[in-house]
Amino acid sequence: MTRFRIGSDDLVAVVEADGARISSLRHLPTERELLASTPWADDPVDAFVMADSSAQWHRAYRGGWHLLLPRAGDSPATASPPQPFHGEAAWRTWRLTGSRNACRASVVLRTVPLAIDRWMSVRANMLVIETAVRNVGSEPVSYGWAEHPAFAGELFGPASTVRTGDRVVPLDPAPAASFTDLAAPAGDVTITAPEAGVEVALTWDAALLPRLYVWQEQRGSAGFPWWGA
């Protein structure tokens, strides 16, 4: 299967085999799409590939929610074998199996000896993601792990707020672009979007993922790949 649609009466998610990406997360009572998609998200895959993996990632980026493993960002020059931008897992085609309200995605990486299983299920108005990473090699492996959800711009109107614990995360007025690295000891973030009629709350194991990276792209990048969009 190249994709699975899982859901309840409140929430529907679409999981793609390409990177095990969650391409859509729709709140049915408000018909609100919660995840961002780029203007070229529905373009067909073509043969042209940019030589630099960071450039190719941004050229082909469709939005949604990715798992970044065994690292996020650029691969260090000393890495052997080199990793593509945001890690091999986001570039691989995963095996998908599923049912009406749950999907399992599985892959064995080739650049590091790690097998990943990811279970995604919809329970009423919650999307639950459980991930297991297993070392299939004979030596210890060091790796990084980041969850990379991109949220729809409609969630960030003038009245919207973003909080982690008791801290308010400032929202940049457009045009602006920024990246912030925050401690997240509570393992939570809440987006309150009264104009969109929804509140989105994320919780995670802060002992495993202690940082919150907040990237804002508010029409503030004039060049490639966003061109001010």
C-alpha atoms as a PDB file:
ATOM      1  CA  MET A   1       0.000   0.000   0.000  1.00  0.00           C
ATOM      2  CA  THR A   2       1.243   3.503  -0.776  1.00  0.00           C
ATOM      3  CA  ARG A   3      -1.069   5.169   1.771  1.00  0.00           C
ATOM      4  CA  PHE A   4      -3.544   4.462   4.548  1.00  0.00           C
ATOM      5  CA  ARG A   5      -6.499   6.543   5.683  1.00  0.00           C
ATOM      6  CA  ILE A   6      -7.304   6.024   9.353  1.00  0.00           C
ATOM      7  CA  GLY A   7      -9.861   7.820  11.435  1.00  0.00           C
ATOM      8  CA  SER A   8     -12.819   8.232  13.722  1.00  0.00           C
ATOM      9  CA  ASP A   9     -15.917  10.421  13.678  1.00  0.00           C
ATOM     10  CA  ASP A  10     -13.748  13.335  14.872  1.00  0.00           C
ATOM     11  CA  LEU A  11     -10.350  12.994  13.199  1.00  0.00           C
ATOM     12  CA  VAL A  12      -8.940  11.504   9.978  1.00  0.00           C
ATOM     13  CA  ALA A  13      -5.247  10.993   9.207  1.00  0.00           C
ATOM     14  CA  VAL A  14      -3.576   9.936   5.949  1.00  0.00           C
ATOM     15  CA  VAL A  15      -0.258   8.071   6.244  1.00  0.00           C
ATOM     16  CA  GLU A  16       2.011   7.812   3.188  1.00  0.00           C
ATOM     17  CA  ALA A  17       4.585   5.088   2.517  1.00  0.00           C
ATOM     18  CA  ASP A  18       6.976   7.828   1.371  1.00  0.00           C
ATOM     19  CA  GLY A  19       8.856   8.601   4.588  1.00  0.00           C
ATOM     20  CA  ALA A  20       5.934   7.294   6.704  1.00  0.00           C
ATOM     21  CA  ARG A  21       4.741  10.880   6.370  1.00  0.00           C
ATOM     22  CA  ILE A  22       1.379  11.902   7.789  1.00  0.00           C
ATOM     23  CA  SER A  23       0.220  13.996   4.859  1.00  0.00           C
ATOM     24  CA  SER A  24      -3.143  15.050   6.265  1.00  0.00           C
ATOM     25  CA  LEU A  25      -4.784  15.392   9.666  1.00  0.00           C
ATOM     26  CA  ARG A  26      -8.344  16.674   9.363  1.00  0.00           C
ATOM     27  CA  HIS A  27     -10.666  17.672  12.208  1.00  0.00           C
ATOM     28  CA  LEU A  28     -14.072  16.599  10.926  1.00  0.00           C
ATOM     29  CA  PRO A  29     -16.417  18.714  13.119  1.00  0.00           C
ATOM     30  CA  THR A  30     -14.844  21.910  11.742  1.00  0.00           C
ATOM     31  CA  GLU A  31     -13.576  20.436   8.416  1.00  0.00           C
ATOM     32  CA  ARG A  32     -10.232  21.998   9.358  1.00  0.00           C
ATOM     33  CA  GLU A  33      -6.968  20.640   7.915  1.00  0.00           C
ATOM     34  CA  LEU A  34      -4.412  20.824  10.736  1.00  0.00           C
ATOM     35  CA  LEU A  35      -1.206  20.107   8.788  1.00  0.00           C
ATOM     36  CA  ALA A  36       0.510  22.352   6.264  1.00  0.00           C
ATOM     37  CA  SER A  37       1.019  21.404   2.630  1.00  0.00           C
ATOM     38  CA  THR A  38       3.136  23.253   0.101  1.00  0.00           C
ATOM     39  CA  PRO A  39       1.663  24.692  -3.122  1.00  0.00           C
ATOM     40  CA  TRP A  40       3.431  21.916  -5.062  1.00  0.00           C
ATOM     41  CA  ALA A  41       2.373  19.074  -2.725  1.00  0.00           C
ATOM     42  CA  ASP A  42       0.250  17.411  -5.426  1.00  0.00           C
ATOM     43  CA  ASP A  43       2.799  17.736  -8.239  1.00  0.00           C
ATOM     44  CA  PRO A  44       3.858  14.383  -9.743  1.00  0.00           C
ATOM     45  CA  VAL A  45       7.316  13.056  -8.880  1.00  0.00           C
ATOM     46  CA  ASP A  46       9.794  13.908 -11.638  1.00  0.00           C
ATOM     47  CA  ALA A  47      13.238  12.644 -12.624  1.00  0.00           C
ATOM     48  CA  PHE A  48      15.151  15.838 -11.833  1.00  0.00           C
ATOM     49  CA  VAL A  49      17.068  15.629  -8.522  1.00  0.00           C
ATOM     50  CA  MET A  50      19.245  18.378  -7.062  1.00  0.00           C
ATOM     51  CA  ALA A  51      22.750  17.227  -6.108  1.00  0.00           C
ATOM     52  CA  ASP A  52      22.614  18.657  -2.573  1.00  0.00           C
ATOM     53  CA  SER A  53      20.185  16.731  -0.343  1.00  0.00           C
ATOM     54  CA  SER A  54      19.155  19.847   1.618  1.00  0.00           C
ATOM     55  CA  ALA A  55      18.241  21.618  -1.610  1.00  0.00           C
ATOM     56  CA  GLN A  56      16.395  18.530  -2.878  1.00  0.00           C
ATOM     57  CA  TRP A  57      14.485  18.166   0.418  1.00  0.00           C
ATOM     58  CA  HIS A  58      13.259  21.747   0.206  1.00  0.00           C
ATOM     59  CA  ARG A  59      12.522  21.514  -3.520  1.00  0.00           C
ATOM     60  CA  ALA A  60      10.366  18.397  -3.020  1.00  0.00           C
ATOM     61  CA  TYR A  61       9.007  19.145   0.465  1.00  0.00           C
ATOM     62  CA  ARG A  62       5.256  18.569   0.591  1.00  0.00           C
ATOM     63  CA  GLY A  63       4.539  19.416   4.234  1.00  0.00           C
ATOM     64  CA  GLY A  64       2.854  17.124   6.736  1.00  0.00           C
ATOM     65  CA  TRP A  65       4.495  15.282   9.639  1.00  0.00           C
ATOM     66  CA  HIS A  66       7.843  13.485   9.250  1.00  0.00           C
ATOM     67  CA  LEU A  67      10.036  11.414  11.544  1.00  0.00           C
ATOM     68  CA  LEU A  68      13.665  12.615  11.344  1.00  0.00           C
ATOM     69  CA  LEU A  69      16.066   9.796  12.202  1.00  0.00           C
ATOM     70  CA  PRO A  70      19.005   9.105  12.643  1.00  0.00           C
ATOM     71  CA  ARG A  71      19.493  12.888  12.633  1.00  0.00           C
ATOM     72  CA  ALA A  72      17.838  16.187  11.810  1.00  0.00           C
ATOM     73  CA  GLY A  73      19.398  18.835   9.595  1.00  0.00           C
ATOM     74  CA  ASP A  74      22.596  18.511   7.607  1.00  0.00           C
ATOM     75  CA  SER A  75      24.909  15.539   7.967  1.00  0.00           C
ATOM     76  CA  PRO A  76      28.329  16.444   9.458  1.00  0.00           C
ATOM     77  CA  ALA A  77      31.255  16.153   7.087  1.00  0.00           C
ATOM     78  CA  THR A  78      32.723  13.379   9.265  1.00  0.00           C
ATOM     79  CA  ALA A  79      29.637  11.133   9.030  1.00  0.00           C
ATOM     80  CA  SER A  80      30.315   7.815   7.334  1.00  0.00           C
ATOM     81  CA  PRO A  81      28.304   6.900   5.408  1.00  0.00           C
ATOM     82  CA  PRO A  82      26.854  10.417   4.916  1.00  0.00           C
ATOM     83  CA  GLN A  83      23.239  11.015   5.837  1.00  0.00           C
ATOM     84  CA  PRO A  84      20.797  12.891   3.600  1.00  0.00           C
ATOM     85  CA  PHE A  85      19.297  16.086   4.984  1.00  0.00           C
ATOM     86  CA  HIS A  86      16.931  15.287   7.896  1.00  0.00           C
ATOM     87  CA  GLY A  87      18.023  11.648   7.942  1.00  0.00           C
ATOM     88  CA  GLU A  88      17.444   8.487   5.940  1.00  0.00           C
ATOM     89  CA  ALA A  89      14.098   7.568   7.529  1.00  0.00           C
ATOM     90  CA  ALA A  90      12.310  10.553   5.966  1.00  0.00           C
ATOM     91  CA  TRP A  91      13.582   9.576   2.490  1.00  0.00           C
ATOM     92  CA  ARG A  92      12.773   5.863   2.533  1.00  0.00           C
ATOM     93  CA  THR A  93       9.674   4.038   1.327  1.00  0.00           C
ATOM     94  CA  TRP A  94       8.159   2.310   4.359  1.00  0.00           C
ATOM     95  CA  ARG A  95       5.980  -0.815   4.474  1.00  0.00           C
ATOM     96  CA  LEU A  96       2.438   0.022   5.579  1.00  0.00           C
ATOM     97  CA  THR A  97      -0.238  -2.232   7.048  1.00  0.00           C
ATOM     98  CA  GLY A  98      -3.388  -1.086   8.738  1.00  0.00           C
ATOM     99  CA  SER A  99      -7.061  -1.121   9.570  1.00  0.00           C
ATOM    100  CA  ARG A 100      -9.860   1.428   9.828  1.00  0.00           C
ATOM    101  CA  ASN A 101      -8.335   3.357  12.724  1.00  0.00           C
ATOM    102  CA  ALA A 102      -4.681   2.237  12.937  1.00  0.00           C
ATOM    103  CA  CYS A 103      -1.632   1.956  10.716  1.00  0.00           C
ATOM    104  CA  ARG A 104       1.810   0.371  11.193  1.00  0.00           C
ATOM    105  CA  ALA A 105       4.810   1.660   9.234  1.00  0.00           C
ATOM    106  CA  SER A 106       8.073  -0.311   9.196  1.00  0.00           C
ATOM    107  CA  VAL A 107      11.529   0.203   7.694  1.00  0.00           C
ATOM    108  CA  VAL A 108      15.117  -1.017   8.207  1.00  0.00           C
ATOM    109  CA  LEU A 109      17.635   1.741   7.559  1.00  0.00           C
ATOM    110  CA  ARG A 110      20.680   1.019   5.415  1.00  0.00           C
ATOM    111  CA  THR A 111      23.092   3.758   6.550  1.00  0.00           C
ATOM    112  CA  VAL A 112      22.819   2.685  10.203  1.00  0.00           C
ATOM    113  CA  PRO A 113      21.649  -0.718  11.537  1.00  0.00           C
ATOM    114  CA  LEU A 114      18.335   0.481  12.916  1.00  0.00           C
ATOM    115  CA  ALA A 115      14.891  -1.043  12.415  1.00  0.00           C
ATOM    116  CA  ILE A 116      11.958   1.307  13.023  1.00  0.00           C
ATOM    117  CA  ASP A 117       8.334   0.448  13.682  1.00  0.00           C
ATOM    118  CA  ARG A 118       5.810   3.240  13.966  1.00  0.00           C
ATOM    119  CA  TRP A 119       2.206   2.712  15.023  1.00  0.00           C
ATOM    120  CA  MET A 120      -0.298   5.495  14.343  1.00  0.00           C
ATOM    121  CA  SER A 121      -3.861   5.238  15.604  1.00  0.00           C
ATOM    122  CA  VAL A 122      -6.860   7.560  15.861  1.00  0.00           C
ATOM    123  CA  ARG A 123      -8.864   7.355  19.076  1.00  0.00           C
ATOM    124  CA  ALA A 124     -11.828   9.764  19.103  1.00  0.00           C
ATOM    125  CA  ASN A 125     -10.187  13.192  18.698  1.00  0.00           C
ATOM    126  CA  MET A 126      -6.603  11.997  19.356  1.00  0.00           C
ATOM    127  CA  LEU A 127      -3.831  10.852  17.042  1.00  0.00           C
ATOM    128  CA  VAL A 128      -1.525   8.532  19.002  1.00  0.00           C
ATOM    129  CA  ILE A 129       1.955   7.780  17.641  1.00  0.00           C
ATOM    130  CA  GLU A 130       4.112   5.047  19.163  1.00  0.00           C
ATOM    131  CA  THR A 131       7.594   4.372  17.779  1.00  0.00           C
ATOM    132  CA  ALA A 132      10.122   1.612  18.491  1.00  0.00           C
ATOM    133  CA  VAL A 133      13.739   1.829  17.301  1.00  0.00           C
ATOM    134  CA  ARG A 134      15.770  -1.393  17.444  1.00  0.00           C
ATOM    135  CA  ASN A 135      19.489  -1.867  16.851  1.00  0.00           C
ATOM    136  CA  VAL A 136      19.934  -4.831  14.491  1.00  0.00           C
ATOM    137  CA  GLY A 137      23.738  -4.523  14.415  1.00  0.00           C
ATOM    138  CA  SER A 138      26.434  -5.886  16.723  1.00  0.00           C
ATOM    139  CA  GLU A 139      27.723  -2.513  18.030  1.00  0.00           C
ATOM    140  CA  PRO A 140      26.068   0.394  19.863  1.00  0.00           C
ATOM    141  CA  VAL A 141      24.600   3.121  17.610  1.00  0.00           C
ATOM    142  CA  SER A 142      24.298   6.812  18.464  1.00  0.00           C
ATOM    143  CA  TYR A 143      21.458   8.627  16.726  1.00  0.00           C
ATOM    144  CA  GLY A 144      19.246  11.678  16.886  1.00  0.00           C
ATOM    145  CA  TRP A 145      15.463  11.733  16.773  1.00  0.00           C
ATOM    146  CA  ALA A 146      13.086  14.587  15.968  1.00  0.00           C
ATOM    147  CA  GLU A 147       9.375  14.739  15.193  1.00  0.00           C
ATOM    148  CA  HIS A 148       8.699  17.232  12.396  1.00  0.00           C
ATOM    149  CA  PRO A 149       5.021  18.265  12.177  1.00  0.00           C
ATOM    150  CA  ALA A 150       4.263  21.328  10.031  1.00  0.00           C
ATOM    151  CA  PHE A 151       0.987  22.978  10.980  1.00  0.00           C
ATOM    152  CA  ALA A 152      -1.429  24.760   8.681  1.00  0.00           C
ATOM    153  CA  GLY A 153      -1.049  28.523   8.489  1.00  0.00           C
ATOM    154  CA  GLU A 154      -4.759  28.979   9.201  1.00  0.00           C
ATOM    155  CA  LEU A 155      -4.072  27.965  12.830  1.00  0.00           C
ATOM    156  CA  PHE A 156      -1.963  31.075  13.419  1.00  0.00           C
ATOM    157  CA  GLY A 157      -4.318  34.022  13.148  1.00  0.00           C
ATOM    158  CA  PRO A 158      -4.003  37.277  15.136  1.00  0.00           C
ATOM    159  CA  ALA A 159      -5.834  35.786  18.141  1.00  0.00           C
ATOM    160  CA  SER A 160      -3.880  32.498  18.206  1.00  0.00           C
ATOM    161  CA  THR A 161      -1.506  31.534  21.011  1.00  0.00           C
ATOM    162  CA  VAL A 162       1.192  28.873  21.371  1.00  0.00           C
ATOM    163  CA  ARG A 163       2.280  27.611  24.801  1.00  0.00           C
ATOM    164  CA  THR A 164       4.740  25.057  26.137  1.00  0.00           C
ATOM    165  CA  GLY A 165       4.272  24.473  29.852  1.00  0.00           C
ATOM    166  CA  ASP A 166       3.627  27.932  31.339  1.00  0.00           C
ATOM    167  CA  ARG A 167       5.646  29.704  28.633  1.00  0.00           C
ATOM    168  CA  VAL A 168       4.061  31.609  25.744  1.00  0.00           C
ATOM    169  CA  VAL A 169       5.900  31.187  22.430  1.00  0.00           C
ATOM    170  CA  PRO A 170       5.754  34.515  20.546  1.00  0.00           C
ATOM    171  CA  LEU A 171       4.224  34.386  17.075  1.00  0.00           C
ATOM    172  CA  ASP A 172       6.034  36.528  14.516  1.00  0.00           C
ATOM    173  CA  PRO A 173       3.883  38.934  12.494  1.00  0.00           C
ATOM    174  CA  ALA A 174       4.322  38.434   8.755  1.00  0.00           C
ATOM    175  CA  PRO A 175       6.545  38.859   6.914  1.00  0.00           C
ATOM    176  CA  ALA A 176       9.053  37.023   9.113  1.00  0.00           C
ATOM    177  CA  ALA A 177      11.004  33.794   9.424  1.00  0.00           C
ATOM    178  CA  SER A 178      12.611  32.425  12.584  1.00  0.00           C
ATOM    179  CA  PHE A 179      13.880  29.296  14.337  1.00  0.00           C
ATOM    180  CA  THR A 180      13.899  28.939  18.135  1.00  0.00           C
ATOM    181  CA  ASP A 181      15.328  26.146  20.313  1.00  0.00           C
ATOM    182  CA  LEU A 182      13.458  25.853  23.644  1.00  0.00           C
ATOM    183  CA  ALA A 183      13.682  23.571  26.648  1.00  0.00           C
ATOM    184  CA  ALA A 184      10.422  21.639  26.990  1.00  0.00           C
ATOM    185  CA  PRO A 185      10.582  19.875  30.373  1.00  0.00           C
ATOM    186  CA  ALA A 186       6.811  19.342  30.443  1.00  0.00           C
ATOM    187  CA  GLY A 187       6.792  17.629  27.022  1.00  0.00           C
ATOM    188  CA  ASP A 188       3.827  19.562  25.702  1.00  0.00           C
ATOM    189  CA  VAL A 189       2.791  22.343  23.367  1.00  0.00           C
ATOM    190  CA  THR A 190      -0.690  23.759  22.778  1.00  0.00           C
ATOM    191  CA  ILE A 191      -1.859  25.799  19.787  1.00  0.00           C
ATOM    192  CA  THR A 192      -5.063  27.702  20.548  1.00  0.00           C
ATOM    193  CA  ALA A 193      -6.678  28.955  17.353  1.00  0.00           C
ATOM    194  CA  PRO A 194     -10.045  30.610  18.134  1.00  0.00           C
ATOM    195  CA  GLU A 195     -10.487  31.937  14.596  1.00  0.00           C
ATOM    196  CA  ALA A 196     -10.105  28.406  13.238  1.00  0.00           C
ATOM    197  CA  GLY A 197     -12.332  26.954  15.964  1.00  0.00           C
ATOM    198  CA  VAL A 198      -9.766  24.397  17.180  1.00  0.00           C
ATOM    199  CA  GLU A 199      -7.150  23.795  19.841  1.00  0.00           C
ATOM    200  CA  VAL A 200      -4.287  21.419  19.060  1.00  0.00           C
ATOM    201  CA  ALA A 201      -2.385  19.883  21.988  1.00  0.00           C
ATOM    202  CA  LEU A 202       0.731  17.726  21.626  1.00  0.00           C
ATOM    203  CA  THR A 203       2.272  15.715  24.453  1.00  0.00           C
ATOM    204  CA  TRP A 204       5.392  13.529  24.391  1.00  0.00           C
ATOM    205  CA  ASP A 205       8.019  11.859  26.591  1.00  0.00           C
ATOM    206  CA  ALA A 206      10.233  14.792  27.587  1.00  0.00           C
ATOM    207  CA  ALA A 207      12.898  12.425  28.932  1.00  0.00           C
ATOM    208  CA  LEU A 208      13.336  11.162  25.371  1.00  0.00           C
ATOM    209  CA  LEU A 209      12.716  14.432  23.497  1.00  0.00           C
ATOM    210  CA  PRO A 210      13.678  17.317  25.840  1.00  0.00           C
ATOM    211  CA  ARG A 211      13.811  20.160  23.267  1.00  0.00           C
ATOM    212  CA  LEU A 212      11.131  21.994  21.331  1.00  0.00           C
ATOM    213  CA  TYR A 213      12.214  23.516  18.017  1.00  0.00           C
ATOM    214  CA  VAL A 214       9.858  26.198  16.721  1.00  0.00           C
ATOM    215  CA  TRP A 215      10.248  27.104  13.062  1.00  0.00           C
ATOM    216  CA  GLN A 216       8.070  29.950  11.793  1.00  0.00           C
ATOM    217  CA  GLU A 217       7.810  30.664   8.076  1.00  0.00           C
ATOM    218  CA  GLN A 218       5.531  33.681   7.779  1.00  0.00           C
ATOM    219  CA  ARG A 219       6.197  34.694   4.190  1.00  0.00           C
ATOM    220  CA  GLY A 220       9.614  35.904   5.352  1.00  0.00           C
ATOM    221  CA  SER A 221      11.933  34.016   2.965  1.00  0.00           C
ATOM    222  CA  ALA A 222      12.136  35.691  -0.415  1.00  0.00           C
ATOM    223  CA  GLY A 223      14.426  33.142  -2.107  1.00  0.00           C
ATOM    224  CA  PHE A 224      14.385  29.407  -2.813  1.00  0.00           C
ATOM    225  CA  PRO A 225      12.324  27.406  -1.987  1.00  0.00           C
ATOM    226  CA  TRP A 226       9.462  29.478  -0.564  1.00  0.00           C
ATOM    227  CA  TRP A 227       9.691  32.604  -2.776  1.00  0.00           C
ATOM    228  CA  GLY A 228       7.807  34.630  -0.181  1.00  0.00           C
ATOM    229  CA  ALA A 229       4.933  32.126   0.156  1.00  0.00           C
END
